[in-house]
Amino acid sequence: MARKDKEVTLEVLESDFRDSNAVLLTEYRGLSVAALKKLRRSLGGEAKYAVAKNTLLKIAAGRAGVDGLDSMLEGPSALAFVSGDPVNAAKVIRDFSKENQKLVIKGGFFDGKVLTAADVQKLADLESREVLLAKLAGAMKAKMAQAAALFAAPASKTVRTIEALRAAAEADPSKLAGAPAAAAATPAAEPAAEPEAEAPADAAVETTEAPVAEVAETTEG
C-alpha cells in the first residue's frame, strides 16, 4: 500500500474509532465475500463492517485513544464500527456467527472498556433500546392512568354530592338545614308577609320577640 493510501486509510479508521458508540471485533477466516456482504446488509444502519490490516487497526486505535485491543488483533480481523444501538449490532453478529461458524467473535470496546467475547455475548442478550423505551412508555402510561383515576375519584364524588344537594333543595328547601355548607353560603329567605289588618302594638311586640326566643333556644340546644 502506498504511503499516501496508507495515511488515508489510517485517518478513516481513526475517525471510525472516535465516532463509534462501540466497536465489535471479529475474525472472518474462511468466510466468502458473499457471506461478508450478507453480514454488512444485516447490520444495516447499525454499524459499518470493515476489513483492515491489524497493523493499521492498532495504529488507528491508538490515535483514537482506544486501548486494549492489540492482543485481539491477530489473524484476519474485521471490525463492526457501531453507530447505532450496540445491543442490536451485537445481536446481528451473534446470530450470524451461529449460522456461519467461521465468523468468530473476539471481543470489542464499549463505554471506555474492553469487551471479551463473553461480554459481547452478554451484550447481545440484553434488550434493545427500542424494547426498553417501549416498556418505559408502557409503564409511564400505566402510572398516568392510575394518577388520573386517583384524581378523578374525589372529583366525581364531589359532583355527586352537589347534585344530591341540588335535588334535595328543589324537592324541599327545608332539607338544606341539614347541609352546613349550603346553609352557611345561602341564608334562608324569609317568607313574604301576607297583607293583614293592622295589629295592636302589643301583638307587634310579641311577633318581634318570638324569633329572638327561637334563636336563643336553638343556640342553647
Protein backbone atom coordinates (compact mmCIF):
# COMPACT_ATOMS: atom_id res chain seq x y z
CA MET A 1 0.00 0.00 0.00
CA ALA A 2 1.37 3.39 -0.98
CA ARG A 3 2.23 5.77 1.84
CA LYS A 4 -0.49 8.21 0.80
CA ASP A 5 -3.15 5.49 0.62
CA LYS A 6 -1.99 4.13 3.98
CA GLU A 7 -2.36 7.53 5.63
CA VAL A 8 -5.84 7.98 4.17
CA THR A 9 -6.85 4.57 5.47
CA LEU A 10 -5.47 5.41 8.90
CA GLU A 11 -7.44 8.66 9.00
CA VAL A 12 -10.65 6.84 8.09
CA LEU A 13 -10.09 4.11 10.67
CA GLU A 14 -9.19 6.65 13.35
CA SER A 15 -12.39 8.55 12.60
CA ASP A 16 -14.37 5.30 12.78
CA PHE A 17 -12.92 4.53 16.21
CA ARG A 18 -13.63 8.03 17.51
CA ASP A 19 -17.17 8.32 16.17
CA SER A 20 -18.44 4.84 17.07
CA ASN A 21 -20.68 4.05 20.03
CA ALA A 22 -18.96 0.67 20.24
CA VAL A 23 -16.51 -1.49 18.29
CA LEU A 24 -17.04 -5.24 17.86
CA LEU A 25 -14.04 -7.28 16.74
CA THR A 26 -14.38 -10.48 14.72
CA GLU A 27 -12.24 -12.92 12.78
CA TYR A 28 -13.61 -13.81 9.38
CA ARG A 29 -11.13 -16.52 8.30
CA GLY A 30 -12.72 -18.73 5.65
CA LEU A 31 -15.81 -16.61 5.08
CA SER A 32 -16.71 -15.94 1.46
CA VAL A 33 -17.15 -12.48 0.00
CA ALA A 34 -20.86 -13.21 -0.39
CA ALA A 35 -21.15 -14.04 3.33
CA LEU A 36 -19.40 -10.81 4.31
CA LYS A 37 -21.79 -8.84 2.10
CA LYS A 38 -24.74 -10.57 3.76
CA LEU A 39 -23.40 -9.62 7.20
CA ARG A 40 -23.00 -6.00 6.13
CA ARG A 41 -26.58 -5.92 4.85
CA SER A 42 -27.81 -7.49 8.10
CA LEU A 43 -26.11 -4.77 10.14
CA GLY A 44 -27.81 -2.13 8.01
CA GLY A 45 -27.50 1.31 9.56
CA GLU A 46 -26.43 -0.02 12.95
CA ALA A 47 -22.75 -0.47 12.08
CA LYS A 48 -20.05 -0.22 9.43
CA TYR A 49 -18.30 -3.55 8.96
CA ALA A 50 -14.72 -3.03 7.79
CA VAL A 51 -11.84 -5.36 6.97
CA ALA A 52 -8.37 -3.93 7.57
CA LYS A 53 -4.80 -4.94 8.34
CA ASN A 54 -4.02 -5.43 12.01
CA THR A 55 -1.05 -3.04 11.92
CA LEU A 56 -3.26 -0.23 10.64
CA LEU A 57 -6.03 -1.05 13.13
CA LYS A 58 -3.57 -0.91 16.04
CA ILE A 59 -2.21 2.46 14.94
CA ALA A 60 -5.67 3.93 14.32
CA ALA A 61 -6.99 2.65 17.65
CA GLY A 62 -4.00 4.16 19.47
CA ARG A 63 -4.55 7.53 17.80
CA ALA A 64 -8.23 7.47 18.79
CA GLY A 65 -7.42 6.61 22.41
CA VAL A 66 -8.86 3.09 22.24
CA ASP A 67 -6.50 0.87 24.22
CA GLY A 68 -6.55 -2.85 24.97
CA LEU A 69 -7.38 -4.32 21.56
CA ASP A 70 -3.84 -5.14 20.42
CA SER A 71 -3.88 -8.68 21.82
CA MET A 72 -7.11 -9.40 19.90
CA LEU A 73 -5.82 -8.08 16.59
CA GLU A 74 -4.38 -11.34 15.34
CA GLY A 75 -5.38 -13.19 12.21
CA PRO A 76 -7.85 -11.84 9.60
CA SER A 77 -9.65 -9.07 11.50
CA ALA A 78 -12.88 -7.28 10.67
CA LEU A 79 -14.44 -4.67 12.92
CA ALA A 80 -18.02 -3.52 13.26
CA PHE A 81 -17.92 0.20 13.99
CA VAL A 82 -21.28 0.69 15.66
CA SER A 83 -23.06 3.96 15.07
CA GLY A 84 -26.50 2.76 16.22
CA ASP A 85 -27.56 0.62 19.16
CA PRO A 86 -24.63 -1.61 20.29
CA VAL A 87 -27.11 -4.23 21.52
CA ASN A 88 -28.72 -4.57 18.11
CA ALA A 89 -25.34 -4.82 16.38
CA ALA A 90 -24.15 -7.45 18.87
CA LYS A 91 -27.35 -9.45 18.26
CA VAL A 92 -26.81 -9.39 14.49
CA ILE A 93 -23.20 -10.55 14.75
CA ARG A 94 -24.05 -13.23 17.33
CA ASP A 95 -26.91 -14.61 15.23
CA PHE A 96 -24.77 -14.52 12.09
CA SER A 97 -21.94 -16.38 13.85
CA LYS A 98 -24.40 -19.13 14.85
CA GLU A 99 -25.32 -19.65 11.20
CA ASN A 100 -21.75 -19.15 9.95
CA GLN A 101 -19.35 -20.69 12.42
CA LYS A 102 -16.34 -19.40 10.51
CA LEU A 103 -17.16 -15.94 11.88
CA VAL A 104 -15.57 -15.77 15.33
CA ILE A 105 -16.41 -13.06 17.85
CA LYS A 106 -13.18 -11.98 19.54
CA GLY A 107 -14.23 -9.04 21.69
CA GLY A 108 -14.71 -5.32 21.38
CA PHE A 109 -14.71 -1.92 23.01
CA PHE A 110 -17.71 -0.21 24.59
CA ASP A 111 -18.23 2.65 27.04
CA GLY A 112 -14.50 3.07 27.56
CA LYS A 113 -13.95 -0.61 28.40
CA VAL A 114 -12.52 -3.58 26.54
CA LEU A 115 -15.02 -6.37 25.94
CA THR A 116 -14.19 -10.06 25.85
CA ALA A 117 -16.03 -12.47 23.55
CA ALA A 118 -18.22 -13.43 26.53
CA ASP A 119 -19.02 -9.75 27.16
CA VAL A 120 -20.20 -9.36 23.57
CA GLN A 121 -22.47 -12.39 24.03
CA LYS A 122 -23.92 -10.83 27.19
CA LEU A 123 -24.43 -7.53 25.34
CA ALA A 124 -26.34 -9.39 22.63
CA ASP A 125 -28.58 -10.97 25.27
CA LEU A 126 -29.73 -7.59 26.54
CA GLU A 127 -32.97 -5.99 25.40
CA SER A 128 -32.57 -3.42 22.67
CA ARG A 129 -33.04 0.29 23.22
CA GLU A 130 -36.34 0.21 21.32
CA VAL A 131 -37.72 -2.54 23.56
CA LEU A 132 -36.62 -0.75 26.73
CA LEU A 133 -38.19 2.52 25.56
CA ALA A 134 -41.42 0.71 24.70
CA LYS A 135 -41.52 -0.84 28.17
CA LEU A 136 -40.76 2.52 29.78
CA ALA A 137 -43.53 4.18 27.78
CA GLY A 138 -45.96 1.44 28.81
CA ALA A 139 -45.02 1.82 32.48
CA MET A 140 -45.42 5.61 32.31
CA LYS A 141 -48.80 5.25 30.61
CA ALA A 142 -49.96 2.88 33.34
CA LYS A 143 -48.79 5.29 36.06
CA MET A 144 -50.55 8.20 34.37
CA ALA A 145 -53.77 6.17 34.17
CA GLN A 146 -53.51 5.38 37.88
CA ALA A 147 -52.92 9.04 38.71
CA ALA A 148 -55.86 10.11 36.57
CA ALA A 149 -58.11 7.63 38.34
CA LEU A 150 -56.86 8.86 41.71
CA PHE A 151 -57.64 12.49 40.90
CA ALA A 152 -60.92 11.69 39.20
CA ALA A 153 -62.38 9.77 42.15
CA PRO A 154 -62.70 12.71 44.61
CA ALA A 155 -63.93 14.99 41.84
CA SER A 156 -66.74 12.64 40.85
CA LYS A 157 -67.70 12.21 44.49
CA THR A 158 -67.91 15.98 44.91
CA VAL A 159 -70.07 16.31 41.82
CA ARG A 160 -72.44 13.64 43.06
CA THR A 161 -72.72 15.40 46.44
CA ILE A 162 -73.54 18.75 44.81
CA GLU A 163 -76.12 17.15 42.56
CA ALA A 164 -77.75 15.43 45.56
CA LEU A 165 -77.96 18.72 47.47
CA ARG A 166 -79.41 20.49 44.47
CA ALA A 167 -82.06 17.81 44.02
CA ALA A 168 -82.93 17.94 47.71
CA ALA A 169 -83.25 21.73 47.59
CA GLU A 170 -85.56 21.58 44.61
CA ALA A 171 -87.76 18.95 46.26
CA ASP A 172 -87.86 20.54 49.73
CA PRO A 173 -85.82 23.70 50.56
CA SER A 174 -86.10 22.91 54.28
CA LYS A 175 -83.75 19.94 53.79
CA LEU A 176 -80.89 22.35 53.25
CA ALA A 177 -80.96 23.00 57.01
CA GLY A 178 -79.03 19.75 57.41
CA ALA A 179 -76.29 20.82 54.99
CA PRO A 180 -73.94 23.17 56.90
CA ALA A 181 -72.06 24.33 53.82
CA ALA A 182 -75.22 25.22 51.93
CA ALA A 183 -76.80 26.86 54.97
CA ALA A 184 -73.69 28.97 55.60
CA ALA A 185 -73.44 30.04 52.00
CA THR A 186 -77.15 30.83 51.44
CA PRO A 187 -79.22 32.29 54.32
CA ALA A 188 -82.82 31.08 54.49
CA ALA A 189 -85.18 33.52 52.82
CA GLU A 190 -87.93 34.96 54.97
CA PRO A 191 -91.44 34.25 53.71
CA ALA A 192 -93.27 37.24 52.33
CA ALA A 193 -95.78 38.66 54.80
CA GLU A 194 -99.36 38.38 53.75
CA PRO A 195 -101.39 41.59 53.99
CA GLU A 196 -103.26 41.70 57.34
CA ALA A 197 -105.22 44.19 59.29
CA GLU A 198 -103.09 46.43 61.47
CA ALA A 199 -102.32 44.62 64.70
CA PRO A 200 -102.26 46.26 68.12
CA ALA A 201 -98.95 47.42 69.46
CA ASP A 202 -98.77 44.53 71.96
CA ALA A 203 -99.19 41.97 69.20
CA ALA A 204 -96.37 43.57 67.23
CA VAL A 205 -94.06 43.18 70.18
CA GLU A 206 -94.91 39.50 70.51
CA THR A 207 -94.25 38.96 66.80
CA THR A 208 -90.88 40.65 67.12
CA GLU A 209 -89.78 38.75 70.23
CA ALA A 210 -90.83 35.30 69.01
CA PRO A 211 -87.90 34.85 66.53
CA VAL A 212 -85.42 36.05 69.17
CA ALA A 213 -86.65 33.43 71.63
CA GLU A 214 -86.50 30.78 68.94
CA VAL A 215 -82.90 31.71 68.08
CA ALA A 216 -81.96 31.61 71.74
CA GLU A 217 -83.47 28.15 72.14
CA THR A 218 -81.67 26.93 69.03
CA THR A 219 -78.36 28.29 70.27
CA GLU A 220 -78.74 26.69 73.67
CA GLY A 221 -79.61 23.34 72.11
